[in-house]
Amino acid sequence: MIKILQAIFTIYSIVLFFTLLLILGLFIVIPVSISPAGGKLSFLFIRIWARIWSFGSGIRYEFHGREIIDRDEPYIYIFNHRSFLDAAIIPLAIPQQVRALGKKELSKIPFFGWVVGKVAIWVDRTDAESRRKSIARLVTFLNKGISAVVAPEGTRNDSEATLLPFKYGAFRLSVETGIPILPIAVIDANKIMRKGSLLIRPGKVKIYYSKPIYPPAPSETAVDELSGKCRSRLEAMLLTHE
């Protein structure tokens, strides 16, 4: 009986997700399509969509340390990727407009792919040239003062490990641009949508922020050094608060 009720709740939550996206989609797409400055307005509507959907789905949030973010400075945000819910969590967690790397498979979801594609950079993670081009596009946004967000694990972590091995894109980007990495630990999102299940349940997501980690001077070992430092910091945050 509980499984049936949860399945009904999940269907309701998914319908709400796409209904809100249909209602607010044009308000998200039009401002950012006109100019990069319009991204601020687009992200206002993205957050409205995420907040209404989260409230309607019984998902609550606790933010710990968000005040360390200087909203006038760009960052490269990294986070642990354990849930499909990150599409709603990340816009609420980051109080800036951002450009995110997203798997190209998501671009094929009707309407969702079109809307999110205005603020995401789709990448084929199996194609080195696609990865190179996506990083180059992120550089252009960072140079305009717009932050970036990357899941350095490269895919959703369904394992028992705290973190999957990191890809180097975010850290190479930081070393090349001098823009700091700001780790975000997302706790308990995987309890709302459990591993191996598509069912959604109400719950609370806790989000913790680290002080920015500045990149070392460019060198042969700089990317490895920065990646290791950021991994240790994010892993410590997860182990401390989970």
Protein backbone atom coordinates (compact mmCIF):
# COMPACT_ATOMS: atom_id res chain seq x y z
CA MET A 1 0.00 0.00 0.00
CA ILE A 2 2.84 2.40 0.89
CA LYS A 3 4.52 1.73 -2.47
CA ILE A 4 1.25 2.48 -4.30
CA LEU A 5 0.81 5.76 -2.43
CA GLN A 6 4.40 6.69 -3.14
CA ALA A 7 3.94 5.89 -6.83
CA ILE A 8 0.86 8.14 -6.94
CA PHE A 9 2.79 10.90 -5.17
CA THR A 10 5.66 10.51 -7.64
CA ILE A 11 3.34 10.84 -10.63
CA TYR A 12 1.80 13.96 -9.06
CA SER A 13 5.28 15.42 -8.42
CA ILE A 14 6.44 14.76 -12.00
CA VAL A 15 3.26 16.29 -13.45
CA LEU A 16 3.74 19.33 -11.20
CA PHE A 17 7.39 19.59 -12.30
CA PHE A 18 6.55 19.80 -16.00
CA THR A 19 3.36 21.83 -15.57
CA LEU A 20 5.29 24.56 -13.75
CA LEU A 21 8.01 24.38 -16.40
CA LEU A 22 5.41 24.86 -19.15
CA ILE A 23 3.90 27.85 -17.32
CA LEU A 24 7.22 29.54 -16.53
CA GLY A 25 9.33 28.28 -19.43
CA LEU A 26 9.03 31.35 -21.64
CA PHE A 27 9.80 33.65 -18.70
CA ILE A 28 13.02 31.67 -18.26
CA VAL A 29 13.97 31.47 -21.93
CA ILE A 30 13.20 34.97 -23.23
CA PRO A 31 15.35 37.17 -20.91
CA VAL A 32 18.53 35.10 -21.27
CA SER A 33 17.96 34.80 -25.04
CA ILE A 34 17.89 38.59 -25.38
CA SER A 35 21.18 39.21 -23.56
CA PRO A 36 23.49 37.63 -20.94
CA ALA A 37 22.35 40.34 -18.51
CA GLY A 38 18.84 38.92 -18.82
CA GLY A 39 20.11 35.79 -17.11
CA LYS A 40 19.46 37.38 -13.72
CA LEU A 41 15.75 37.62 -14.54
CA SER A 42 15.74 34.13 -16.01
CA PHE A 43 17.22 32.75 -12.80
CA LEU A 44 14.59 34.55 -10.76
CA PHE A 45 11.95 32.53 -12.62
CA ILE A 46 14.02 29.34 -12.38
CA ARG A 47 14.05 29.78 -8.59
CA ILE A 48 10.30 30.47 -8.54
CA TRP A 49 9.78 27.23 -10.46
CA ALA A 50 12.12 25.29 -8.14
CA ARG A 51 10.58 26.73 -4.96
CA ILE A 52 6.98 26.07 -5.97
CA TRP A 53 7.79 22.55 -7.13
CA SER A 54 9.76 21.80 -3.96
CA PHE A 55 6.98 23.14 -1.73
CA GLY A 56 4.35 21.18 -3.64
CA SER A 57 6.46 18.02 -3.40
CA GLY A 58 7.14 18.41 0.33
CA ILE A 59 10.85 19.09 -0.10
CA ARG A 60 12.42 21.50 2.40
CA TYR A 61 15.90 23.00 2.48
CA GLU A 62 18.43 24.03 5.11
CA PHE A 63 21.32 26.25 4.01
CA HIS A 64 24.45 26.38 6.15
CA GLY A 65 27.17 28.93 5.37
CA ARG A 66 25.66 30.50 2.25
CA GLU A 67 26.64 33.94 3.56
CA ILE A 68 30.27 33.28 2.54
CA ILE A 69 29.28 33.78 -1.12
CA ASP A 70 30.14 37.22 -2.50
CA ARG A 71 27.33 37.67 -5.01
CA ASP A 72 29.37 40.14 -7.04
CA GLU A 73 32.21 37.67 -7.66
CA PRO A 74 32.23 34.66 -10.01
CA TYR A 75 32.97 31.16 -8.70
CA ILE A 76 33.29 27.68 -10.08
CA TYR A 77 30.89 25.71 -7.91
CA ILE A 78 31.34 21.97 -7.50
CA PHE A 79 28.94 19.61 -5.73
CA ASN A 80 28.37 15.94 -5.02
CA HIS A 81 25.90 14.47 -7.50
CA ARG A 82 23.67 11.85 -5.86
CA SER A 83 20.19 12.66 -7.12
CA PHE A 84 18.14 13.58 -10.18
CA LEU A 85 16.68 16.34 -7.99
CA ASP A 86 19.79 18.49 -8.45
CA ALA A 87 18.07 20.36 -11.30
CA ALA A 88 15.83 21.98 -8.67
CA ILE A 89 18.31 22.01 -5.78
CA ILE A 90 21.22 23.82 -7.45
CA PRO A 91 19.31 26.99 -8.52
CA LEU A 92 18.08 27.37 -4.94
CA ALA A 93 21.51 26.65 -3.46
CA ILE A 94 23.39 29.22 -5.57
CA PRO A 95 22.25 32.85 -5.23
CA GLN A 96 23.76 33.88 -8.58
CA GLN A 97 23.06 33.19 -12.20
CA VAL A 98 25.28 30.34 -13.36
CA ARG A 99 26.04 28.25 -16.40
CA ALA A 100 26.13 24.51 -15.78
CA LEU A 101 27.60 21.56 -17.60
CA GLY A 102 24.88 19.04 -18.36
CA LYS A 103 24.84 15.60 -19.97
CA LYS A 104 23.67 15.86 -23.58
CA GLU A 105 21.14 13.07 -22.92
CA LEU A 106 19.11 15.54 -20.84
CA SER A 107 18.79 17.85 -23.83
CA LYS A 108 16.53 15.24 -25.47
CA ILE A 109 13.83 15.53 -22.78
CA PRO A 110 10.95 17.38 -24.48
CA PHE A 111 10.66 21.07 -23.50
CA PHE A 112 12.89 20.55 -20.43
CA GLY A 113 15.93 20.23 -22.69
CA TRP A 114 15.00 23.39 -24.61
CA VAL A 115 14.42 25.50 -21.48
CA VAL A 116 17.39 24.27 -19.48
CA GLY A 117 19.58 24.46 -22.57
CA LYS A 118 19.44 28.26 -22.31
CA VAL A 119 21.41 28.17 -19.04
CA ALA A 120 23.26 24.87 -19.46
CA ILE A 121 26.06 23.75 -21.75
CA TRP A 122 25.37 20.26 -23.03
CA VAL A 123 28.39 17.99 -23.18
CA ASP A 124 29.06 14.47 -24.46
CA ARG A 125 31.31 13.22 -21.68
CA THR A 126 32.57 10.38 -23.86
CA ASP A 127 33.86 12.81 -26.51
CA ALA A 128 37.08 14.71 -25.78
CA GLU A 129 36.30 17.41 -28.37
CA SER A 130 32.84 17.99 -26.86
CA ARG A 131 34.42 18.35 -23.42
CA ARG A 132 37.00 20.79 -24.76
CA LYS A 133 34.36 22.96 -26.44
CA SER A 134 32.15 22.98 -23.34
CA ILE A 135 35.02 24.17 -21.15
CA ALA A 136 35.85 26.89 -23.71
CA ARG A 137 32.23 28.11 -23.55
CA LEU A 138 32.35 28.20 -19.77
CA VAL A 139 35.47 30.39 -19.99
CA THR A 140 33.54 32.97 -22.00
CA PHE A 141 30.86 33.18 -19.31
CA LEU A 142 33.38 33.32 -16.47
CA ASN A 143 35.13 36.19 -18.24
CA LYS A 144 31.80 38.04 -18.16
CA GLY A 145 31.55 37.53 -14.40
CA ILE A 146 28.98 34.71 -14.61
CA SER A 147 29.65 31.74 -12.33
CA ALA A 148 29.86 28.12 -13.45
CA VAL A 149 28.65 24.94 -11.76
CA VAL A 150 30.12 21.51 -12.43
CA ALA A 151 29.54 18.05 -10.95
CA PRO A 152 33.18 16.85 -10.98
CA GLU A 153 32.20 13.19 -10.58
CA GLY A 154 30.84 13.41 -14.12
CA THR A 155 27.74 11.33 -13.42
CA ARG A 156 25.33 10.48 -10.61
CA ASN A 157 26.97 8.55 -7.79
CA ASP A 158 24.92 5.42 -7.09
CA SER A 159 27.76 3.63 -5.32
CA GLU A 160 28.57 3.27 -1.64
CA ALA A 161 31.63 5.48 -2.07
CA THR A 162 31.41 9.00 -0.67
CA LEU A 163 32.58 10.42 -4.02
CA LEU A 164 33.39 8.99 -7.42
CA PRO A 165 36.75 9.83 -9.04
CA PHE A 166 36.88 13.46 -10.16
CA LYS A 167 37.13 14.65 -13.76
CA TYR A 168 39.62 17.49 -14.26
CA GLY A 169 37.54 20.01 -16.24
CA ALA A 170 36.50 22.28 -13.36
CA PHE A 171 40.00 22.38 -11.90
CA ARG A 172 41.71 23.05 -15.21
CA LEU A 173 39.21 25.86 -15.72
CA SER A 174 40.05 27.32 -12.31
CA VAL A 175 43.81 27.19 -12.88
CA GLU A 176 43.48 28.79 -16.32
CA THR A 177 41.18 31.63 -15.20
CA GLY A 178 42.28 32.14 -11.59
CA ILE A 179 38.65 31.88 -10.44
CA PRO A 180 38.23 29.99 -7.16
CA ILE A 181 36.41 26.72 -6.60
CA LEU A 182 33.54 26.81 -4.10
CA PRO A 183 32.51 23.30 -2.92
CA ILE A 184 28.89 22.61 -1.99
CA ALA A 185 27.87 19.50 -0.06
CA VAL A 186 24.30 18.37 -0.79
CA ILE A 187 23.09 16.07 2.00
CA ASP A 188 20.10 13.68 1.96
CA ALA A 189 18.82 14.40 -1.57
CA ASN A 190 19.31 10.68 -2.22
CA LYS A 191 16.84 9.89 0.58
CA ILE A 192 14.10 11.75 -1.30
CA MET A 193 14.77 9.67 -4.41
CA ARG A 194 16.56 6.55 -3.22
CA LYS A 195 19.23 4.67 -5.15
CA GLY A 196 17.75 2.29 -7.70
CA SER A 197 14.30 3.86 -7.45
CA LEU A 198 12.44 6.56 -9.37
CA LEU A 199 9.96 7.09 -6.53
CA ILE A 200 9.93 10.48 -4.81
CA ARG A 201 9.11 11.11 -1.18
CA PRO A 202 8.93 14.33 0.88
CA GLY A 203 11.99 15.21 2.94
CA LYS A 204 14.65 17.73 3.88
CA VAL A 205 17.82 18.54 1.94
CA LYS A 206 20.73 20.12 3.82
CA ILE A 207 23.28 22.17 1.91
CA TYR A 208 26.69 23.17 3.27
CA TYR A 209 29.15 25.63 1.75
CA SER A 210 32.94 25.72 1.93
CA LYS A 211 35.12 28.79 1.82
CA PRO A 212 36.42 29.31 -1.73
CA ILE A 213 39.56 27.41 -2.67
CA TYR A 214 41.90 29.50 -4.82
CA PRO A 215 43.93 27.78 -7.54
CA PRO A 216 47.72 27.56 -7.39
CA ALA A 217 49.86 29.21 -10.03
CA PRO A 218 49.78 27.34 -13.35
CA SER A 219 52.22 24.43 -13.43
CA GLU A 220 52.38 20.79 -14.49
CA THR A 221 50.95 19.68 -11.15
CA ALA A 222 48.53 22.57 -10.47
CA VAL A 223 45.37 20.82 -11.72
CA ASP A 224 46.12 17.62 -9.76
CA GLU A 225 46.93 19.65 -6.66
CA LEU A 226 43.71 21.68 -6.86
CA SER A 227 41.58 18.62 -7.64
CA GLY A 228 43.01 16.74 -4.64
CA LYS A 229 42.48 19.67 -2.30
CA CYS A 230 38.87 20.19 -3.43
CA ARG A 231 38.10 16.48 -3.22
CA SER A 232 39.45 16.31 0.33
CA ARG A 233 37.43 19.37 1.34
CA LEU A 234 34.15 18.11 -0.17
CA GLU A 235 34.66 14.61 1.19
CA ALA A 236 35.29 15.98 4.69
CA MET A 237 32.10 18.08 4.47
CA LEU A 238 30.06 15.05 3.45
CA LEU A 239 31.50 12.76 6.13
CA THR A 240 31.01 15.43 8.79
CA HIS A 241 27.39 16.22 8.02
CA GLU A 242 25.87 13.01 6.60
